[in-house]
PDB file of all heavy atoms in Angstrom:
ATOM      1  N   VAL A   1    -190.423  47.326 -77.697  1.00  0.00           N
ATOM      2  CA  VAL A   1    -190.065  47.933 -76.408  1.00  0.00           C
ATOM      3  C   VAL A   1    -191.325  48.553 -75.812  1.00  0.00           C
ATOM      4  O   VAL A   1    -191.915  49.470 -76.404  1.00  0.00           O
ATOM      5  CB  VAL A   1    -188.975  49.015 -76.576  1.00  0.00           C
ATOM      6  CG1 VAL A   1    -188.662  49.654 -75.220  1.00  0.00           C
ATOM      7  CG2 VAL A   1    -187.720  48.426 -77.194  1.00  0.00           C
ATOM      8  N   GLY A   2    -191.725  48.063 -74.672  1.00  0.00           N
ATOM      9  CA  GLY A   2    -192.944  48.560 -74.045  1.00  0.00           C
ATOM     10  C   GLY A   2    -192.752  49.915 -73.396  1.00  0.00           C
ATOM     11  O   GLY A   2    -191.649  50.272 -72.962  1.00  0.00           O
ATOM     12  N   ILE A   3    -193.825  50.700 -73.294  1.00  0.00           N
ATOM     13  CA  ILE A   3    -193.754  52.029 -72.699  1.00  0.00           C
ATOM     14  C   ILE A   3    -193.570  51.955 -71.184  1.00  0.00           C
ATOM     15  O   ILE A   3    -192.780  52.712 -70.611  1.00  0.00           O
ATOM     16  CB  ILE A   3    -195.025  52.837 -73.048  1.00  0.00           C
ATOM     17  CG1 ILE A   3    -195.015  53.175 -74.544  1.00  0.00           C
ATOM     18  CG2 ILE A   3    -195.110  54.115 -72.219  1.00  0.00           C
ATOM     19  CD1 ILE A   3    -196.254  53.911 -75.010  1.00  0.00           C
ATOM     20  N   LEU A   4    -194.268  51.045 -70.531  1.00  0.00           N
ATOM     21  CA  LEU A   4    -194.170  50.969 -69.065  1.00  0.00           C
ATOM     22  C   LEU A   4    -192.754  50.605 -68.583  1.00  0.00           C
ATOM     23  O   LEU A   4    -192.270  51.208 -67.626  1.00  0.00           O
ATOM     24  CB  LEU A   4    -195.208  49.988 -68.520  1.00  0.00           C
ATOM     25  CG  LEU A   4    -196.657  50.479 -68.561  1.00  0.00           C
ATOM     26  CD1 LEU A   4    -197.598  49.437 -67.980  1.00  0.00           C
ATOM     27  CD2 LEU A   4    -196.809  51.800 -67.800  1.00  0.00           C
ATOM     28  N   PRO A   5    -192.081  49.619 -69.205  1.00  0.00           N
ATOM     29  CA  PRO A   5    -190.685  49.394 -68.806  1.00  0.00           C
ATOM     30  C   PRO A   5    -189.810  50.634 -69.002  1.00  0.00           C
ATOM     31  O   PRO A   5    -188.931  50.921 -68.183  1.00  0.00           O
ATOM     32  CB  PRO A   5    -190.241  48.239 -69.728  1.00  0.00           C
ATOM     33  CG  PRO A   5    -191.492  47.498 -70.015  1.00  0.00           C
ATOM     34  CD  PRO A   5    -192.550  48.556 -70.123  1.00  0.00           C
ATOM     35  N   ALA A   6    -190.052  51.406 -70.079  1.00  0.00           N
ATOM     36  CA  ALA A   6    -189.275  52.630 -70.320  1.00  0.00           C
ATOM     37  C   ALA A   6    -189.547  53.667 -69.238  1.00  0.00           C
ATOM     38  O   ALA A   6    -188.625  54.332 -68.747  1.00  0.00           O
ATOM     39  CB  ALA A   6    -189.614  53.202 -71.694  1.00  0.00           C
ATOM     40  N   ILE A   7    -190.822  53.793 -68.844  1.00  0.00           N
ATOM     41  CA  ILE A   7    -191.170  54.723 -67.767  1.00  0.00           C
ATOM     42  C   ILE A   7    -190.504  54.289 -66.462  1.00  0.00           C
ATOM     43  O   ILE A   7    -190.022  55.119 -65.677  1.00  0.00           O
ATOM     44  CB  ILE A   7    -192.698  54.801 -67.606  1.00  0.00           C
ATOM     45  CG1 ILE A   7    -193.313  55.483 -68.840  1.00  0.00           C
ATOM     46  CG2 ILE A   7    -193.064  55.566 -66.332  1.00  0.00           C
ATOM     47  CD1 ILE A   7    -194.837  55.478 -68.847  1.00  0.00           C
ATOM     48  N   THR A   8    -190.448  52.981 -66.251  1.00  0.00           N
ATOM     49  CA  THR A   8    -189.775  52.456 -65.048  1.00  0.00           C
ATOM     50  C   THR A   8    -188.300  52.851 -65.041  1.00  0.00           C
ATOM     51  O   THR A   8    -187.751  53.220 -64.000  1.00  0.00           O
ATOM     52  CB  THR A   8    -189.916  50.923 -64.990  1.00  0.00           C
ATOM     53  OG1 THR A   8    -191.282  50.568 -65.005  1.00  0.00           O
ATOM     54  CG2 THR A   8    -189.254  50.373 -63.731  1.00  0.00           C
ATOM     55  N   VAL A   9    -187.680  52.783 -66.222  1.00  0.00           N
ATOM     56  CA  VAL A   9    -186.278  53.198 -66.330  1.00  0.00           C
ATOM     57  C   VAL A   9    -186.134  54.665 -65.924  1.00  0.00           C
ATOM     58  O   VAL A   9    -185.225  55.038 -65.178  1.00  0.00           O
ATOM     59  CB  VAL A   9    -185.756  52.986 -67.769  1.00  0.00           C
ATOM     60  CG1 VAL A   9    -184.369  53.598 -67.927  1.00  0.00           C
ATOM     61  CG2 VAL A   9    -185.717  51.504 -68.117  1.00  0.00           C
ATOM     62  N   PHE A  10    -187.034  55.525 -66.419  1.00  0.00           N
ATOM     63  CA  PHE A  10    -187.006  56.943 -66.051  1.00  0.00           C
ATOM     64  C   PHE A  10    -187.081  57.124 -64.543  1.00  0.00           C
ATOM     65  O   PHE A  10    -186.327  57.904 -63.956  1.00  0.00           O
ATOM     66  CB  PHE A  10    -188.173  57.682 -66.728  1.00  0.00           C
ATOM     67  CG  PHE A  10    -187.825  58.318 -68.031  1.00  0.00           C
ATOM     68  CD1 PHE A  10    -187.573  57.548 -69.154  1.00  0.00           C
ATOM     69  CD2 PHE A  10    -187.727  59.698 -68.142  1.00  0.00           C
ATOM     70  CE1 PHE A  10    -187.250  58.137 -70.355  1.00  0.00           C
ATOM     71  CE2 PHE A  10    -187.397  60.298 -69.341  1.00  0.00           C
ATOM     72  CZ  PHE A  10    -187.166  59.514 -70.465  1.00  0.00           C
ATOM     73  N   VAL A  11    -187.996  56.419 -63.925  1.00  0.00           N
ATOM     74  CA  VAL A  11    -188.183  56.540 -62.480  1.00  0.00           C
ATOM     75  C   VAL A  11    -186.919  56.112 -61.742  1.00  0.00           C
ATOM     76  O   VAL A  11    -186.464  56.791 -60.811  1.00  0.00           O
ATOM     77  CB  VAL A  11    -189.391  55.696 -62.017  1.00  0.00           C
ATOM     78  CG1 VAL A  11    -189.464  55.668 -60.491  1.00  0.00           C
ATOM     79  CG2 VAL A  11    -190.678  56.263 -62.600  1.00  0.00           C
ATOM     80  N   VAL A  12    -186.326  54.998 -62.167  1.00  0.00           N
ATOM     81  CA  VAL A  12    -185.109  54.500 -61.514  1.00  0.00           C
ATOM     82  C   VAL A  12    -183.964  55.504 -61.677  1.00  0.00           C
ATOM     83  O   VAL A  12    -183.223  55.785 -60.721  1.00  0.00           O
ATOM     84  CB  VAL A  12    -184.703  53.129 -62.099  1.00  0.00           C
ATOM     85  CG1 VAL A  12    -183.331  52.709 -61.572  1.00  0.00           C
ATOM     86  CG2 VAL A  12    -185.740  52.077 -61.737  1.00  0.00           C
ATOM     87  N   ILE A  13    -183.826  56.052 -62.869  1.00  0.00           N
ATOM     88  CA  ILE A  13    -182.741  57.007 -63.123  1.00  0.00           C
ATOM     89  C   ILE A  13    -182.903  58.255 -62.246  1.00  0.00           C
ATOM     90  O   ILE A  13    -181.929  58.750 -61.657  1.00  0.00           O
ATOM     91  CB  ILE A  13    -182.696  57.404 -64.612  1.00  0.00           C
ATOM     92  CG1 ILE A  13    -182.232  56.209 -65.448  1.00  0.00           C
ATOM     93  CG2 ILE A  13    -181.756  58.596 -64.839  1.00  0.00           C
ATOM     94  CD1 ILE A  13    -182.337  56.413 -66.934  1.00  0.00           C
ATOM     95  N   ILE A  14    -184.128  58.766 -62.158  1.00  0.00           N
ATOM     96  CA  ILE A  14    -184.377  59.942 -61.316  1.00  0.00           C
ATOM     97  C   ILE A  14    -184.084  59.626 -59.853  1.00  0.00           C
ATOM     98  O   ILE A  14    -183.492  60.438 -59.121  1.00  0.00           O
ATOM     99  CB  ILE A  14    -185.829  60.436 -61.482  1.00  0.00           C
ATOM    100  CG1 ILE A  14    -186.062  60.922 -62.913  1.00  0.00           C
ATOM    101  CG2 ILE A  14    -186.132  61.548 -60.492  1.00  0.00           C
ATOM    102  CD1 ILE A  14    -185.126  62.019 -63.364  1.00  0.00           C
ATOM    103  N   LEU A  15    -184.488  58.437 -59.402  1.00  0.00           N
ATOM    104  CA  LEU A  15    -184.206  58.038 -58.014  1.00  0.00           C
ATOM    105  C   LEU A  15    -182.704  57.899 -57.775  1.00  0.00           C
ATOM    106  O   LEU A  15    -182.187  58.301 -56.727  1.00  0.00           O
ATOM    107  CB  LEU A  15    -184.927  56.728 -57.686  1.00  0.00           C
ATOM    108  CG  LEU A  15    -186.450  56.804 -57.583  1.00  0.00           C
ATOM    109  CD1 LEU A  15    -187.043  55.417 -57.352  1.00  0.00           C
ATOM    110  CD2 LEU A  15    -186.876  57.759 -56.459  1.00  0.00           C
ATOM    111  N   MET A  16    -181.996  57.330 -58.763  1.00  0.00           N
ATOM    112  CA  MET A  16    -180.534  57.221 -58.653  1.00  0.00           C
ATOM    113  C   MET A  16    -179.899  58.612 -58.610  1.00  0.00           C
ATOM    114  O   MET A  16    -178.946  58.860 -57.866  1.00  0.00           O
ATOM    115  CB  MET A  16    -179.978  56.424 -59.827  1.00  0.00           C
ATOM    116  CG  MET A  16    -180.316  54.947 -59.808  1.00  0.00           C
ATOM    117  SD  MET A  16    -179.472  54.052 -58.475  1.00  0.00           S
ATOM    118  CE  MET A  16    -177.781  54.094 -59.039  1.00  0.00           C
ATOM    119  N   TYR A  17    -180.425  59.502 -59.424  1.00  0.00           N
ATOM    120  CA  TYR A  17    -179.935  60.891 -59.436  1.00  0.00           C
ATOM    121  C   TYR A  17    -180.111  61.531 -58.064  1.00  0.00           C
ATOM    122  O   TYR A  17    -179.185  62.148 -57.528  1.00  0.00           O
ATOM    123  CB  TYR A  17    -180.690  61.687 -60.505  1.00  0.00           C
ATOM    124  CG  TYR A  17    -180.460  63.178 -60.427  1.00  0.00           C
ATOM    125  CD1 TYR A  17    -179.286  63.752 -60.910  1.00  0.00           C
ATOM    126  CD2 TYR A  17    -181.424  64.024 -59.873  1.00  0.00           C
ATOM    127  CE1 TYR A  17    -179.075  65.117 -60.831  1.00  0.00           C
ATOM    128  CE2 TYR A  17    -181.220  65.383 -59.791  1.00  0.00           C
ATOM    129  CZ  TYR A  17    -180.048  65.930 -60.276  1.00  0.00           C
ATOM    130  OH  TYR A  17    -179.840  67.277 -60.192  1.00  0.00           O
ATOM    131  N   ARG A  18    -181.299  61.370 -57.495  1.00  0.00           N
ATOM    132  CA  ARG A  18    -181.566  61.931 -56.172  1.00  0.00           C
ATOM    133  C   ARG A  18    -180.658  61.318 -55.113  1.00  0.00           C
ATOM    134  O   ARG A  18    -180.139  62.017 -54.235  1.00  0.00           O
ATOM    135  CB  ARG A  18    -183.040  61.689 -55.796  1.00  0.00           C
ATOM    136  CG  ARG A  18    -184.048  62.428 -56.664  1.00  0.00           C
ATOM    137  CD  ARG A  18    -184.017  63.904 -56.402  1.00  0.00           C
ATOM    138  NE  ARG A  18    -185.089  64.609 -57.091  1.00  0.00           N
ATOM    139  CZ  ARG A  18    -185.251  65.914 -57.062  1.00  0.00           C
ATOM    140  NH1 ARG A  18    -184.403  66.668 -56.386  1.00  0.00           N
ATOM    141  NH2 ARG A  18    -186.253  66.487 -57.718  1.00  0.00           N
ATOM    142  N   LEU A  19    -180.467  60.007 -55.193  1.00  0.00           N
ATOM    143  CA  LEU A  19    -179.637  59.309 -54.213  1.00  0.00           C
ATOM    144  C   LEU A  19    -178.193  59.773 -54.291  1.00  0.00           C
ATOM    145  O   LEU A  19    -177.570  60.091 -53.265  1.00  0.00           O
ATOM    146  CB  LEU A  19    -179.718  57.797 -54.444  1.00  0.00           C
ATOM    147  CG  LEU A  19    -178.796  56.927 -53.577  1.00  0.00           C
ATOM    148  CD1 LEU A  19    -179.148  57.089 -52.102  1.00  0.00           C
ATOM    149  CD2 LEU A  19    -178.867  55.466 -54.008  1.00  0.00           C
ATOM    150  N   ILE A  20    -177.650  59.818 -55.504  1.00  0.00           N
ATOM    151  CA  ILE A  20    -176.247  60.205 -55.660  1.00  0.00           C
ATOM    152  C   ILE A  20    -176.037  61.667 -55.291  1.00  0.00           C
ATOM    153  O   ILE A  20    -175.023  62.034 -54.683  1.00  0.00           O
ATOM    154  CB  ILE A  20    -175.783  59.908 -57.106  1.00  0.00           C
ATOM    155  CG1 ILE A  20    -175.710  58.395 -57.320  1.00  0.00           C
ATOM    156  CG2 ILE A  20    -174.425  60.549 -57.386  1.00  0.00           C
ATOM    157  CD1 ILE A  20    -175.349  57.973 -58.716  1.00  0.00           C
ATOM    158  N   THR A  21    -176.993  62.531 -55.644  1.00  0.00           N
ATOM    159  CA  THR A  21    -176.897  63.942 -55.255  1.00  0.00           C
ATOM    160  C   THR A  21    -176.892  64.085 -53.744  1.00  0.00           C
ATOM    161  O   THR A  21    -176.117  64.867 -53.168  1.00  0.00           O
ATOM    162  CB  THR A  21    -178.082  64.738 -55.849  1.00  0.00           C
ATOM    163  OG1 THR A  21    -178.064  64.617 -57.271  1.00  0.00           O
ATOM    164  CG2 THR A  21    -177.975  66.209 -55.482  1.00  0.00           C
ATOM    165  N   TRP A  22    -177.749  63.311 -53.078  1.00  0.00           N
ATOM    166  CA  TRP A  22    -177.798  63.342 -51.606  1.00  0.00           C
ATOM    167  C   TRP A  22    -176.483  62.843 -51.008  1.00  0.00           C
ATOM    168  O   TRP A  22    -175.949  63.441 -50.077  1.00  0.00           O
ATOM    169  CB  TRP A  22    -178.970  62.484 -51.133  1.00  0.00           C
ATOM    170  CG  TRP A  22    -179.093  62.410 -49.630  1.00  0.00           C
ATOM    171  CD1 TRP A  22    -179.656  63.338 -48.801  1.00  0.00           C
ATOM    172  CD2 TRP A  22    -178.602  61.352 -48.792  1.00  0.00           C
ATOM    173  NE1 TRP A  22    -179.563  62.931 -47.503  1.00  0.00           N
ATOM    174  CE2 TRP A  22    -178.918  61.717 -47.455  1.00  0.00           C
ATOM    175  CE3 TRP A  22    -177.951  60.154 -49.038  1.00  0.00           C
ATOM    176  CZ2 TRP A  22    -178.591  60.910 -46.385  1.00  0.00           C
ATOM    177  CZ3 TRP A  22    -177.624  59.349 -47.957  1.00  0.00           C
ATOM    178  CH2 TRP A  22    -177.939  59.720 -46.656  1.00  0.00           C
ATOM    179  N   MET A  23    -175.951  61.752 -51.565  1.00  0.00           N
ATOM    180  CA  MET A  23    -174.690  61.194 -51.049  1.00  0.00           C
ATOM    181  C   MET A  23    -173.533  62.172 -51.278  1.00  0.00           C
ATOM    182  O   MET A  23    -172.660  62.318 -50.416  1.00  0.00           O
ATOM    183  CB  MET A  23    -174.390  59.859 -51.740  1.00  0.00           C
ATOM    184  CG  MET A  23    -175.348  58.746 -51.353  1.00  0.00           C
ATOM    185  SD  MET A  23    -175.086  57.227 -52.301  1.00  0.00           S
ATOM    186  CE  MET A  23    -173.446  56.760 -51.747  1.00  0.00           C
ATOM    187  N   ALA A  24    -173.546  62.855 -52.415  1.00  0.00           N
ATOM    188  CA  ALA A  24    -172.490  63.827 -52.713  1.00  0.00           C
ATOM    189  C   ALA A  24    -172.547  65.005 -51.738  1.00  0.00           C
ATOM    190  O   ALA A  24    -171.510  65.554 -51.344  1.00  0.00           O
ATOM    191  CB  ALA A  24    -172.611  64.317 -54.150  1.00  0.00           C
ATOM    192  N   ALA A  25    -173.762  65.396 -51.360  1.00  0.00           N
ATOM    193  CA  ALA A  25    -173.920  66.500 -50.415  1.00  0.00           C
ATOM    194  C   ALA A  25    -173.453  66.104 -49.014  1.00  0.00           C
ATOM    195  O   ALA A  25    -173.008  66.952 -48.236  1.00  0.00           O
ATOM    196  CB  ALA A  25    -175.378  66.946 -50.378  1.00  0.00           C
ATOM    197  N   LYS A  26    -173.547  64.807 -48.706  1.00  0.00           N
ATOM    198  CA  LYS A  26    -173.174  64.326 -47.377  1.00  0.00           C
ATOM    199  C   LYS A  26    -171.689  63.994 -47.255  1.00  0.00           C
ATOM    200  O   LYS A  26    -171.124  64.025 -46.171  1.00  0.00           O
ATOM    201  CB  LYS A  26    -173.996  63.085 -47.027  1.00  0.00           C
ATOM    202  CG  LYS A  26    -175.491  63.332 -46.874  1.00  0.00           C
ATOM    203  CD  LYS A  26    -175.788  64.212 -45.677  1.00  0.00           C
ATOM    204  CE  LYS A  26    -177.289  64.405 -45.491  1.00  0.00           C
ATOM    205  NZ  LYS A  26    -177.589  65.256 -44.307  1.00  0.00           N
ATOM    206  N   SER A  27    -171.066  63.649 -48.383  1.00  0.00           N
ATOM    207  CA  SER A  27    -169.673  63.197 -48.333  1.00  0.00           C
ATOM    208  C   SER A  27    -168.830  63.926 -49.374  1.00  0.00           C
ATOM    209  O   SER A  27    -169.081  63.818 -50.575  1.00  0.00           O
ATOM    210  CB  SER A  27    -169.596  61.685 -48.580  1.00  0.00           C
ATOM    211  OG  SER A  27    -168.250  61.262 -48.764  1.00  0.00           O
ATOM    212  N   LYS A  28    -167.829  64.662 -48.917  1.00  0.00           N
ATOM    213  CA  LYS A  28    -166.939  65.384 -49.821  1.00  0.00           C
ATOM    214  C   LYS A  28    -166.133  64.416 -50.673  1.00  0.00           C
ATOM    215  O   LYS A  28    -165.892  64.671 -51.867  1.00  0.00           O
ATOM    216  CB  LYS A  28    -165.990  66.284 -49.014  1.00  0.00           C
ATOM    217  CG  LYS A  28    -165.146  67.200 -49.878  1.00  0.00           C
ATOM    218  CD  LYS A  28    -165.998  68.213 -50.618  1.00  0.00           C
ATOM    219  CE  LYS A  28    -165.140  69.153 -51.458  1.00  0.00           C
ATOM    220  NZ  LYS A  28    -165.961  70.092 -52.248  1.00  0.00           N
ATOM    221  N   LYS A  29    -165.721  63.304 -50.107  1.00  0.00           N
ATOM    222  CA  LYS A  29    -164.949  62.308 -50.861  1.00  0.00           C
ATOM    223  C   LYS A  29    -165.777  61.716 -51.989  1.00  0.00           C
ATOM    224  O   LYS A  29    -165.292  61.524 -53.106  1.00  0.00           O
ATOM    225  CB  LYS A  29    -164.450  61.195 -49.926  1.00  0.00           C
ATOM    226  CG  LYS A  29    -163.342  61.630 -48.982  1.00  0.00           C
ATOM    227  CD  LYS A  29    -162.839  60.457 -48.161  1.00  0.00           C
ATOM    228  CE  LYS A  29    -161.691  60.880 -47.259  1.00  0.00           C
ATOM    229  NZ  LYS A  29    -161.187  59.736 -46.427  1.00  0.00           N
ATOM    230  N   PHE A  30    -167.036  61.414 -51.691  1.00  0.00           N
ATOM    231  CA  PHE A  30    -167.914  60.857 -52.720  1.00  0.00           C
ATOM    232  C   PHE A  30    -168.170  61.893 -53.815  1.00  0.00           C
ATOM    233  O   PHE A  30    -168.203  61.562 -55.005  1.00  0.00           O
ATOM    234  CB  PHE A  30    -169.241  60.408 -52.099  1.00  0.00           C
ATOM    235  CG  PHE A  30    -170.148  59.701 -53.061  1.00  0.00           C
ATOM    236  CD1 PHE A  30    -169.895  58.395 -53.444  1.00  0.00           C
ATOM    237  CD2 PHE A  30    -171.248  60.356 -53.603  1.00  0.00           C
ATOM    238  CE1 PHE A  30    -170.722  57.740 -54.349  1.00  0.00           C
ATOM    239  CE2 PHE A  30    -172.080  59.713 -54.502  1.00  0.00           C
ATOM    240  CZ  PHE A  30    -171.814  58.401 -54.880  1.00  0.00           C
ATOM    241  N   GLU A  31    -168.351  63.152 -53.424  1.00  0.00           N
ATOM    242  CA  GLU A  31    -168.565  64.222 -54.408  1.00  0.00           C
ATOM    243  C   GLU A  31    -167.355  64.352 -55.329  1.00  0.00           C
ATOM    244  O   GLU A  31    -167.502  64.508 -56.545  1.00  0.00           O
ATOM    245  CB  GLU A  31    -168.813  65.550 -53.693  1.00  0.00           C
ATOM    246  CG  GLU A  31    -169.052  66.714 -54.650  1.00  0.00           C
ATOM    247  CD  GLU A  31    -169.170  68.041 -53.936  1.00  0.00           C
ATOM    248  OE1 GLU A  31    -168.798  68.120 -52.745  1.00  0.00           O
ATOM    249  OE2 GLU A  31    -169.626  69.007 -54.562  1.00  0.00           O
ATOM    250  N   THR A  32    -166.156  64.270 -54.754  1.00  0.00           N
ATOM    251  CA  THR A  32    -164.941  64.358 -55.562  1.00  0.00           C
ATOM    252  C   THR A  32    -164.836  63.180 -56.514  1.00  0.00           C
ATOM    253  O   THR A  32    -164.426  63.334 -57.673  1.00  0.00           O
ATOM    254  CB  THR A  32    -163.703  64.393 -54.647  1.00  0.00           C
ATOM    255  OG1 THR A  32    -163.783  65.552 -53.801  1.00  0.00           O
ATOM    256  CG2 THR A  32    -162.413  64.471 -55.467  1.00  0.00           C
ATOM    257  N   PHE A  33    -165.220  61.985 -56.060  1.00  0.00           N
ATOM    258  CA  PHE A  33    -165.183  60.805 -56.923  1.00  0.00           C
ATOM    259  C   PHE A  33    -166.134  60.954 -58.100  1.00  0.00           C
ATOM    260  O   PHE A  33    -165.796  60.623 -59.237  1.00  0.00           O
ATOM    261  CB  PHE A  33    -165.543  59.555 -56.115  1.00  0.00           C
ATOM    262  CG  PHE A  33    -165.694  58.324 -56.971  1.00  0.00           C
ATOM    263  CD1 PHE A  33    -164.578  57.678 -57.474  1.00  0.00           C
ATOM    264  CD2 PHE A  33    -166.952  57.832 -57.279  1.00  0.00           C
ATOM    265  CE1 PHE A  33    -164.712  56.550 -58.276  1.00  0.00           C
ATOM    266  CE2 PHE A  33    -167.099  56.705 -58.078  1.00  0.00           C
ATOM    267  CZ  PHE A  33    -165.974  56.061 -58.579  1.00  0.00           C
ATOM    268  N   ILE A  34    -167.336  61.456 -57.831  1.00  0.00           N
ATOM    269  CA  ILE A  34    -168.352  61.590 -58.877  1.00  0.00           C
ATOM    270  C   ILE A  34    -168.039  62.733 -59.827  1.00  0.00           C
ATOM    271  O   ILE A  34    -168.059  62.580 -61.052  1.00  0.00           O
ATOM    272  CB  ILE A  34    -169.748  61.791 -58.258  1.00  0.00           C
ATOM    273  CG1 ILE A  34    -170.185  60.526 -57.509  1.00  0.00           C
ATOM    274  CG2 ILE A  34    -170.775  62.124 -59.335  1.00  0.00           C
ATOM    275  CD1 ILE A  34    -170.351  59.305 -58.379  1.00  0.00           C
ATOM    276  N   GLU A  35    -167.762  63.906 -59.287  1.00  0.00           N
ATOM    277  CA  GLU A  35    -167.601  65.106 -60.105  1.00  0.00           C
ATOM    278  C   GLU A  35    -166.147  65.391 -60.478  1.00  0.00           C
ATOM    279  O   GLU A  35    -165.888  66.156 -61.399  1.00  0.00           O
ATOM    280  CB  GLU A  35    -168.167  66.314 -59.350  1.00  0.00           C
ATOM    281  CG  GLU A  35    -169.663  66.245 -59.074  1.00  0.00           C
ATOM    282  CD  GLU A  35    -170.507  66.485 -60.310  1.00  0.00           C
ATOM    283  OE1 GLU A  35    -169.927  66.772 -61.385  1.00  0.00           O
ATOM    284  OE2 GLU A  35    -171.736  66.378 -60.209  1.00  0.00           O
TER     285      GLU A  35
END
């Protein structure tokens, strides 16, 4: 397992986290679905 692909996974996960957090803040329905 290479280190760079693993780092890429970290970056994608953080970006997904930021995206979903932003979407949850914008939409109450989406926040309820997630949380």
